[in-house]
Amino acid sequence: MAFFRTINFSEPIASIPGDGVTLRTPQMTDYAEWAAVREKSREFLIPWEPTWPVDDLTRGAFRRRIRRYAEDLRTDQGYAFVILRNRDGALVGGLTLANIRRGVAQAASLGYWMGLPFIRHGYMTAAVAAVIPFAFTTLRLHRLEAACIPTNTASIRLLEKTGFVREGYAREYLCINGIWQDHLLYACLQEPAKA
């Protein structure tokens, strides 16, 4: 049955255009810019992310990250993207579709981060809005899930603005910044095809 078939990308995924941004798979050539944005944004990102490994911003760690992303893509387990600003090509953040579940679920988890210099410009809203059709059409998913810490009002606004609906509350759901933290659970469903 086609519904249960997984996706197999033998070639790199084409970039995904959005409103003022483009999403594409990360490459080793992104290292210097990625590391600079992440370092400049470290204090801003730490409260919202898992604990950073000591070597997180090194070239070797980035190379391992790129290999993991390539393996996830090859096995249809996840899809990672850098977010590039269209007007100058600046790397402004990242977005992932992870924990792909096929079979009867056809679901994935959405994760994202934005560099501090680029917040409040609508880039992440544009990136999430661009990845949703890719997830539902190209990847043939039915459900996208996202979780955010209840005090992260910017993330709550982003999810609600892009069509995600709050579905629940999970106690000690993810270990963020070294602490098991409660999360709000959101989901976005593929619209049924019009007859």
C-alpha atoms as a PDB file:
ATOM      1  CA  MET A   1       0.000   0.000   0.000  1.00  0.00           C
ATOM      2  CA  ALA A   2       1.360   3.418  -0.933  1.00  0.00           C
ATOM      3  CA  PHE A   3       0.263   4.864   2.408  1.00  0.00           C
ATOM      4  CA  PHE A   4       2.855   2.778   4.246  1.00  0.00           C
ATOM      5  CA  ARG A   5       5.705   3.354   1.795  1.00  0.00           C
ATOM      6  CA  THR A   6       8.669   5.380   3.049  1.00  0.00           C
ATOM      7  CA  ILE A   7      10.418   8.113   1.116  1.00  0.00           C
ATOM      8  CA  ASN A   8      13.861   7.390  -0.315  1.00  0.00           C
ATOM      9  CA  PHE A   9      15.885  10.387  -1.442  1.00  0.00           C
ATOM     10  CA  SER A  10      18.828   9.162  -3.487  1.00  0.00           C
ATOM     11  CA  GLU A  11      19.729  12.764  -4.369  1.00  0.00           C
ATOM     12  CA  PRO A  12      19.923  15.846  -2.142  1.00  0.00           C
ATOM     13  CA  ILE A  13      16.659  17.583  -1.346  1.00  0.00           C
ATOM     14  CA  ALA A  14      16.059  20.705  -3.386  1.00  0.00           C
ATOM     15  CA  SER A  15      15.940  23.923  -1.402  1.00  0.00           C
ATOM     16  CA  ILE A  16      12.563  25.014  -0.058  1.00  0.00           C
ATOM     17  CA  PRO A  17      11.591  28.618  -0.829  1.00  0.00           C
ATOM     18  CA  GLY A  18       9.742  30.704   1.735  1.00  0.00           C
ATOM     19  CA  ASP A  19       8.710  34.315   2.253  1.00  0.00           C
ATOM     20  CA  GLY A  20      12.113  36.022   2.418  1.00  0.00           C
ATOM     21  CA  VAL A  21      13.948  32.818   3.375  1.00  0.00           C
ATOM     22  CA  THR A  22      15.183  29.605   1.799  1.00  0.00           C
ATOM     23  CA  LEU A  23      15.647  26.284   3.572  1.00  0.00           C
ATOM     24  CA  ARG A  24      18.342  23.871   2.403  1.00  0.00           C
ATOM     25  CA  THR A  25      20.250  20.938   3.839  1.00  0.00           C
ATOM     26  CA  PRO A  26      23.337  21.913   5.875  1.00  0.00           C
ATOM     27  CA  GLN A  27      26.765  21.504   4.271  1.00  0.00           C
ATOM     28  CA  MET A  28      30.305  21.600   5.620  1.00  0.00           C
ATOM     29  CA  THR A  29      30.744  24.972   3.905  1.00  0.00           C
ATOM     30  CA  ASP A  30      28.183  26.356   6.393  1.00  0.00           C
ATOM     31  CA  TYR A  31      30.436  25.628   9.360  1.00  0.00           C
ATOM     32  CA  ALA A  32      32.064  29.033   9.916  1.00  0.00           C
ATOM     33  CA  GLU A  33      28.836  31.014   9.608  1.00  0.00           C
ATOM     34  CA  TRP A  34      26.823  28.450  11.606  1.00  0.00           C
ATOM     35  CA  ALA A  35      29.388  28.434  14.435  1.00  0.00           C
ATOM     36  CA  ALA A  36      29.565  32.255  14.500  1.00  0.00           C
ATOM     37  CA  VAL A  37      25.765  32.629  14.716  1.00  0.00           C
ATOM     38  CA  ARG A  38      25.499  29.915  17.379  1.00  0.00           C
ATOM     39  CA  GLU A  39      28.347  31.421  19.449  1.00  0.00           C
ATOM     40  CA  LYS A  40      26.876  34.920  19.244  1.00  0.00           C
ATOM     41  CA  SER A  41      23.483  33.480  20.267  1.00  0.00           C
ATOM     42  CA  ARG A  42      24.680  31.068  22.971  1.00  0.00           C
ATOM     43  CA  GLU A  43      23.195  32.868  26.003  1.00  0.00           C
ATOM     44  CA  PHE A  44      19.937  33.451  24.133  1.00  0.00           C
ATOM     45  CA  LEU A  45      19.605  29.784  23.051  1.00  0.00           C
ATOM     46  CA  ILE A  46      20.770  27.955  26.193  1.00  0.00           C
ATOM     47  CA  PRO A  47      17.428  28.202  28.080  1.00  0.00           C
ATOM     48  CA  TRP A  48      15.574  26.579  25.160  1.00  0.00           C
ATOM     49  CA  GLU A  49      17.957  23.808  24.065  1.00  0.00           C
ATOM     50  CA  PRO A  50      19.520  20.594  25.372  1.00  0.00           C
ATOM     51  CA  THR A  51      22.867  21.108  27.110  1.00  0.00           C
ATOM     52  CA  TRP A  52      25.544  21.929  24.558  1.00  0.00           C
ATOM     53  CA  PRO A  53      28.462  19.463  24.392  1.00  0.00           C
ATOM     54  CA  VAL A  54      31.812  21.045  25.285  1.00  0.00           C
ATOM     55  CA  ASP A  55      32.986  20.742  21.670  1.00  0.00           C
ATOM     56  CA  ASP A  56      29.659  21.749  20.088  1.00  0.00           C
ATOM     57  CA  LEU A  57      31.028  24.630  18.021  1.00  0.00           C
ATOM     58  CA  THR A  58      34.134  22.839  16.725  1.00  0.00           C
ATOM     59  CA  ARG A  59      34.623  21.829  13.105  1.00  0.00           C
ATOM     60  CA  GLY A  60      34.818  18.154  14.123  1.00  0.00           C
ATOM     61  CA  ALA A  61      31.491  18.306  15.976  1.00  0.00           C
ATOM     62  CA  PHE A  62      29.909  20.050  12.999  1.00  0.00           C
ATOM     63  CA  ARG A  63      31.283  17.358  10.667  1.00  0.00           C
ATOM     64  CA  ARG A  64      29.688  14.676  12.890  1.00  0.00           C
ATOM     65  CA  ARG A  65      26.436  16.649  12.844  1.00  0.00           C
ATOM     66  CA  ILE A  66      26.467  16.783   9.028  1.00  0.00           C
ATOM     67  CA  ARG A  67      27.117  13.009   8.844  1.00  0.00           C
ATOM     68  CA  ARG A  68      24.214  12.347  11.235  1.00  0.00           C
ATOM     69  CA  TYR A  69      21.930  14.590   9.185  1.00  0.00           C
ATOM     70  CA  ALA A  70      22.939  12.737   5.988  1.00  0.00           C
ATOM     71  CA  GLU A  71      22.264   9.352   7.609  1.00  0.00           C
ATOM     72  CA  ASP A  72      18.896  10.545   8.961  1.00  0.00           C
ATOM     73  CA  LEU A  73      17.939  11.756   5.494  1.00  0.00           C
ATOM     74  CA  ARG A  74      19.124   8.519   3.840  1.00  0.00           C
ATOM     75  CA  THR A  75      17.069   6.408   6.256  1.00  0.00           C
ATOM     76  CA  ASP A  76      14.033   8.741   6.268  1.00  0.00           C
ATOM     77  CA  GLN A  77      14.461   9.386  10.003  1.00  0.00           C
ATOM     78  CA  GLY A  78      14.876  13.151   9.840  1.00  0.00           C
ATOM     79  CA  TYR A  79      15.382  16.194   7.643  1.00  0.00           C
ATOM     80  CA  ALA A  80      17.598  19.068   8.767  1.00  0.00           C
ATOM     81  CA  PHE A  81      17.709  22.504   7.184  1.00  0.00           C
ATOM     82  CA  VAL A  82      19.595  25.746   7.586  1.00  0.00           C
ATOM     83  CA  ILE A  83      17.506  28.874   7.137  1.00  0.00           C
ATOM     84  CA  LEU A  84      19.026  31.430   4.792  1.00  0.00           C
ATOM     85  CA  ARG A  85      17.835  35.017   4.422  1.00  0.00           C
ATOM     86  CA  ASN A  86      17.083  35.610   0.747  1.00  0.00           C
ATOM     87  CA  ARG A  87      18.322  39.185   0.446  1.00  0.00           C
ATOM     88  CA  ASP A  88      21.940  38.359   1.355  1.00  0.00           C
ATOM     89  CA  GLY A  89      22.165  34.592   1.934  1.00  0.00           C
ATOM     90  CA  ALA A  90      22.902  35.016   5.656  1.00  0.00           C
ATOM     91  CA  LEU A  91      22.422  31.892   7.766  1.00  0.00           C
ATOM     92  CA  VAL A  92      19.838  32.973  10.341  1.00  0.00           C
ATOM     93  CA  GLY A  93      18.809  29.704  11.999  1.00  0.00           C
ATOM     94  CA  GLY A  94      17.966  26.047  11.615  1.00  0.00           C
ATOM     95  CA  LEU A  95      14.950  23.766  11.455  1.00  0.00           C
ATOM     96  CA  THR A  96      14.525  19.997  11.676  1.00  0.00           C
ATOM     97  CA  LEU A  97      11.831  17.453  10.999  1.00  0.00           C
ATOM     98  CA  ALA A  98      12.940  14.639  13.286  1.00  0.00           C
ATOM     99  CA  ASN A  99      11.705  11.393  14.768  1.00  0.00           C
ATOM    100  CA  ILE A 100       9.889  10.451  11.554  1.00  0.00           C
ATOM    101  CA  ARG A 101       7.304   7.763  12.205  1.00  0.00           C
ATOM    102  CA  ARG A 102       5.912   5.945   9.187  1.00  0.00           C
ATOM    103  CA  GLY A 103       3.265   3.231   8.971  1.00  0.00           C
ATOM    104  CA  VAL A 104       0.010   4.203  10.623  1.00  0.00           C
ATOM    105  CA  ALA A 105       1.483   7.373  12.207  1.00  0.00           C
ATOM    106  CA  GLN A 106       3.030   9.297   9.258  1.00  0.00           C
ATOM    107  CA  ALA A 107       4.269  11.912  11.731  1.00  0.00           C
ATOM    108  CA  ALA A 108       7.351  13.954  12.603  1.00  0.00           C
ATOM    109  CA  SER A 109       8.567  16.326  15.305  1.00  0.00           C
ATOM    110  CA  LEU A 110       9.423  19.907  14.403  1.00  0.00           C
ATOM    111  CA  GLY A 111      12.381  21.627  16.040  1.00  0.00           C
ATOM    112  CA  TYR A 112      13.925  25.008  15.323  1.00  0.00           C
ATOM    113  CA  TRP A 113      16.357  27.679  16.498  1.00  0.00           C
ATOM    114  CA  MET A 114      16.959  31.276  15.467  1.00  0.00           C
ATOM    115  CA  GLY A 115      20.143  33.278  15.877  1.00  0.00           C
ATOM    116  CA  LEU A 116      19.841  36.219  18.267  1.00  0.00           C
ATOM    117  CA  PRO A 117      20.653  38.899  15.638  1.00  0.00           C
ATOM    118  CA  PHE A 118      17.742  37.653  13.522  1.00  0.00           C
ATOM    119  CA  ILE A 119      14.875  37.317  15.995  1.00  0.00           C
ATOM    120  CA  ARG A 120      11.604  39.233  15.565  1.00  0.00           C
ATOM    121  CA  HIS A 121      11.950  39.636  11.791  1.00  0.00           C
ATOM    122  CA  GLY A 122       9.517  36.859  10.808  1.00  0.00           C
ATOM    123  CA  TYR A 123      12.201  34.540   9.440  1.00  0.00           C
ATOM    124  CA  MET A 124      11.186  31.562  11.568  1.00  0.00           C
ATOM    125  CA  THR A 125       7.505  32.074  10.832  1.00  0.00           C
ATOM    126  CA  ALA A 126       8.371  32.052   7.117  1.00  0.00           C
ATOM    127  CA  ALA A 127      10.573  28.960   7.522  1.00  0.00           C
ATOM    128  CA  VAL A 128       7.930  26.961   9.391  1.00  0.00           C
ATOM    129  CA  ALA A 129       5.256  28.040   6.906  1.00  0.00           C
ATOM    130  CA  ALA A 130       7.527  26.838   4.063  1.00  0.00           C
ATOM    131  CA  VAL A 131       8.380  23.462   5.612  1.00  0.00           C
ATOM    132  CA  ILE A 132       4.757  22.496   6.338  1.00  0.00           C
ATOM    133  CA  PRO A 133       3.808  21.908   2.656  1.00  0.00           C
ATOM    134  CA  PHE A 134       7.101  20.039   2.142  1.00  0.00           C
ATOM    135  CA  ALA A 135       6.281  17.764   5.084  1.00  0.00           C
ATOM    136  CA  PHE A 136       2.747  17.063   3.942  1.00  0.00           C
ATOM    137  CA  THR A 137       3.318  16.876   0.186  1.00  0.00           C
ATOM    138  CA  THR A 138       6.888  15.732  -0.477  1.00  0.00           C
ATOM    139  CA  LEU A 139       7.310  13.601   2.646  1.00  0.00           C
ATOM    140  CA  ARG A 140       3.639  12.571   2.651  1.00  0.00           C
ATOM    141  CA  LEU A 141       3.314  13.045   6.395  1.00  0.00           C
ATOM    142  CA  HIS A 142      -0.068  13.459   8.056  1.00  0.00           C
ATOM    143  CA  ARG A 143       0.956  15.090  11.340  1.00  0.00           C
ATOM    144  CA  LEU A 144       3.641  17.512  12.540  1.00  0.00           C
ATOM    145  CA  GLU A 145       4.227  17.794  16.272  1.00  0.00           C
ATOM    146  CA  ALA A 146       6.073  20.447  18.246  1.00  0.00           C
ATOM    147  CA  ALA A 147       6.711  21.043  21.927  1.00  0.00           C
ATOM    148  CA  CYS A 148       7.716  24.201  23.736  1.00  0.00           C
ATOM    149  CA  ILE A 149       8.440  25.294  27.265  1.00  0.00           C
ATOM    150  CA  PRO A 150       5.368  27.106  28.669  1.00  0.00           C
ATOM    151  CA  THR A 151       7.352  30.317  29.307  1.00  0.00           C
ATOM    152  CA  ASN A 152       8.548  30.497  25.681  1.00  0.00           C
ATOM    153  CA  THR A 153       5.850  32.899  24.502  1.00  0.00           C
ATOM    154  CA  ALA A 154       7.633  33.596  21.200  1.00  0.00           C
ATOM    155  CA  SER A 155       7.546  29.895  20.306  1.00  0.00           C
ATOM    156  CA  ILE A 156       3.898  29.611  21.340  1.00  0.00           C
ATOM    157  CA  ARG A 157       3.004  32.567  19.079  1.00  0.00           C
ATOM    158  CA  LEU A 158       5.021  31.088  16.208  1.00  0.00           C
ATOM    159  CA  LEU A 159       3.313  27.697  16.421  1.00  0.00           C
ATOM    160  CA  GLU A 160      -0.175  29.142  16.695  1.00  0.00           C
ATOM    161  CA  LYS A 161       0.461  31.607  13.853  1.00  0.00           C
ATOM    162  CA  THR A 162       1.583  28.783  11.533  1.00  0.00           C
ATOM    163  CA  GLY A 163      -1.461  26.575  12.167  1.00  0.00           C
ATOM    164  CA  PHE A 164      -0.381  24.405  15.083  1.00  0.00           C
ATOM    165  CA  VAL A 165      -3.020  23.673  17.717  1.00  0.00           C
ATOM    166  CA  ARG A 166      -2.277  23.060  21.378  1.00  0.00           C
ATOM    167  CA  GLU A 167      -3.125  19.473  22.271  1.00  0.00           C
ATOM    168  CA  GLY A 168      -1.729  18.947  25.717  1.00  0.00           C
ATOM    169  CA  TYR A 169       0.772  19.393  28.483  1.00  0.00           C
ATOM    170  CA  ALA A 170       3.622  16.959  29.139  1.00  0.00           C
ATOM    171  CA  ARG A 171       5.321  16.960  32.532  1.00  0.00           C
ATOM    172  CA  GLU A 172       9.134  16.730  32.467  1.00  0.00           C
ATOM    173  CA  TYR A 173       8.918  16.011  28.741  1.00  0.00           C
ATOM    174  CA  LEU A 174      12.402  17.005  27.532  1.00  0.00           C
ATOM    175  CA  CYS A 175      15.754  17.633  29.200  1.00  0.00           C
ATOM    176  CA  ILE A 176      16.450  21.257  28.311  1.00  0.00           C
ATOM    177  CA  ASN A 177      19.523  23.062  29.615  1.00  0.00           C
ATOM    178  CA  GLY A 178      20.178  20.088  31.906  1.00  0.00           C
ATOM    179  CA  ILE A 179      16.723  20.124  33.541  1.00  0.00           C
ATOM    180  CA  TRP A 180      13.704  17.916  32.799  1.00  0.00           C
ATOM    181  CA  GLN A 181      11.137  20.514  31.824  1.00  0.00           C
ATOM    182  CA  ASP A 182       7.401  20.543  31.245  1.00  0.00           C
ATOM    183  CA  HIS A 183       6.278  21.309  27.686  1.00  0.00           C
ATOM    184  CA  LEU A 184       3.158  22.391  25.855  1.00  0.00           C
ATOM    185  CA  LEU A 185       2.350  19.957  23.037  1.00  0.00           C
ATOM    186  CA  TYR A 186       1.216  21.247  19.647  1.00  0.00           C
ATOM    187  CA  ALA A 187       0.321  19.586  16.357  1.00  0.00           C
ATOM    188  CA  CYS A 188      -0.539  20.539  12.808  1.00  0.00           C
ATOM    189  CA  LEU A 189      -2.481  18.087  10.635  1.00  0.00           C
ATOM    190  CA  GLN A 190      -2.505  17.691   6.889  1.00  0.00           C
ATOM    191  CA  GLU A 191      -5.674  19.119   5.444  1.00  0.00           C
ATOM    192  CA  PRO A 192      -7.801  16.413   3.821  1.00  0.00           C
ATOM    193  CA  ALA A 193      -7.820  16.520   0.032  1.00  0.00           C
ATOM    194  CA  LYS A 194     -10.815  18.311  -1.435  1.00  0.00           C
ATOM    195  CA  ALA A 195     -13.109  15.996  -3.416  1.00  0.00           C
END
